[in-house]
Amino acid sequence: MADLKAGPTSFSAGDFAGVGVQFVAAILVFLFLGKWVDGRLGTTPVFLLLGTFVGAAGGFYTMYRKVTAAARASQRASQRASQRASQRESGVPERGADDR
C-alpha cells in the first residue's frame, strides 16, 4: 500500500483502513452489549440505543486521534524538509551521524 509520507512516522492507507474497522467494531460491540443489557433488564431499545451512541462516540474519538496524529506528523516532516532546504541554500552544513 502506498505510504502517505516516507519516514519513521509514516502512515499507510492500511492504517486508516484499520481505523475504519475499529470504528465499526466499537459500534457493533456496544450495540450488542446494549442489546444484551436490554434483554436482561427488559428495557428494550434504551440500552441498545445508548450502546450504539457510546460505540460511535468511542470509535469517532479513536479515528479523530489517529487522523490528527497523522496530520501533525506530516506537518512536522514538511517543516523539517523546508528547514533543510533553507539551510542548504544558506550554505549551513547539515548535521550528520558523526556531528551529533
Protein backbone atom coordinates (compact mmCIF):
# COMPACT_ATOMS: atom_id res chain seq x y z
CA MET A 1 0.00 0.00 0.00
CA ALA A 2 1.16 3.50 -0.68
CA ASP A 3 2.67 5.47 2.18
CA LEU A 4 1.32 8.96 2.73
CA LYS A 5 4.86 10.09 3.53
CA ALA A 6 8.16 8.32 3.94
CA GLY A 7 9.99 8.10 7.22
CA PRO A 8 9.75 6.59 10.69
CA THR A 9 6.30 8.14 11.31
CA SER A 10 4.74 7.14 8.01
CA PHE A 11 1.07 6.25 7.84
CA SER A 12 -0.14 3.90 5.15
CA ALA A 13 -3.60 3.55 3.70
CA GLY A 14 -3.87 0.31 5.66
CA ASP A 15 -3.52 2.23 8.91
CA PHE A 16 -6.53 4.34 8.02
CA ALA A 17 -8.50 1.30 6.85
CA GLY A 18 -7.78 -0.19 10.27
CA VAL A 19 -9.27 2.91 11.87
CA GLY A 20 -12.46 2.35 9.90
CA VAL A 21 -12.62 -1.26 11.06
CA GLN A 22 -12.10 -0.12 14.67
CA PHE A 23 -14.93 2.39 14.26
CA VAL A 24 -17.36 -0.26 13.05
CA ALA A 25 -16.19 -2.79 15.65
CA ALA A 26 -16.72 -0.30 18.50
CA ILE A 27 -20.26 0.39 17.34
CA LEU A 28 -21.10 -3.30 16.98
CA VAL A 29 -19.61 -4.31 20.32
CA PHE A 30 -21.51 -1.64 22.23
CA LEU A 31 -24.68 -2.27 20.20
CA PHE A 32 -24.70 -5.95 21.14
CA LEU A 33 -23.73 -5.15 24.72
CA GLY A 34 -26.70 -2.77 24.92
CA LYS A 35 -28.96 -5.41 23.39
CA TRP A 36 -27.81 -7.93 25.99
CA VAL A 37 -28.42 -5.47 28.86
CA ASP A 38 -31.87 -4.68 27.45
CA GLY A 39 -32.66 -8.40 27.37
CA ARG A 40 -31.58 -8.84 30.98
CA LEU A 41 -33.46 -5.78 32.28
CA GLY A 42 -36.44 -5.83 29.93
CA THR A 43 -35.84 -2.24 28.78
CA THR A 44 -35.96 -2.81 25.02
CA PRO A 45 -34.42 -0.17 22.97
CA VAL A 46 -32.93 2.00 25.73
CA PHE A 47 -29.52 0.37 26.23
CA LEU A 48 -29.33 -0.73 22.60
CA LEU A 49 -29.53 2.91 21.50
CA LEU A 50 -27.24 4.06 24.30
CA GLY A 51 -24.69 1.40 23.38
CA THR A 52 -24.82 2.41 19.73
CA PHE A 53 -24.15 6.05 20.55
CA VAL A 54 -21.38 5.21 23.04
CA GLY A 55 -19.72 2.94 20.48
CA ALA A 56 -19.99 5.60 17.79
CA ALA A 57 -18.53 8.24 20.11
CA GLY A 58 -15.64 5.98 21.10
CA GLY A 59 -14.96 4.98 17.50
CA PHE A 60 -15.07 8.59 16.35
CA TYR A 61 -12.68 9.65 19.11
CA THR A 62 -10.19 6.95 18.09
CA MET A 63 -10.49 7.97 14.44
CA TYR A 64 -10.02 11.66 15.31
CA ARG A 65 -6.87 10.95 17.32
CA LYS A 66 -5.33 8.85 14.52
CA VAL A 67 -6.08 11.40 11.79
CA THR A 68 -4.83 14.37 13.82
CA ALA A 69 -1.64 12.46 14.72
CA ALA A 70 -1.04 11.81 11.01
CA ALA A 71 -1.65 15.48 10.19
CA ARG A 72 0.77 16.64 12.91
CA ALA A 73 3.44 14.18 11.77
CA SER A 74 3.02 15.31 8.17
CA GLN A 75 3.27 18.96 9.18
CA ARG A 76 6.45 18.30 11.22
CA ALA A 77 8.00 16.42 8.29
CA SER A 78 7.27 19.25 5.86
CA GLN A 79 8.70 21.80 8.32
CA ARG A 80 11.89 19.75 8.68
CA ALA A 81 12.18 19.47 4.91
CA SER A 82 11.76 23.22 4.43
CA GLN A 83 14.33 23.90 7.16
CA ARG A 84 16.82 21.57 5.46
CA ALA A 85 16.20 23.27 2.13
CA SER A 86 16.74 26.72 3.61
CA GLN A 87 19.94 25.51 5.32
CA ARG A 88 21.26 24.18 2.01
CA GLU A 89 20.50 27.48 0.32
CA SER A 90 22.26 29.47 3.05
CA GLY A 91 25.32 27.21 3.00
CA VAL A 92 24.92 25.83 6.52
CA PRO A 93 26.23 22.26 6.59
CA GLU A 94 23.76 19.53 7.54
CA ARG A 95 24.33 17.56 10.72
CA GLY A 96 25.44 14.03 10.03
CA ALA A 97 25.53 10.99 12.26
CA ASP A 98 29.03 11.90 13.49
CA ASP A 99 28.05 15.52 14.28
CA ARG A 100 25.54 14.60 17.00
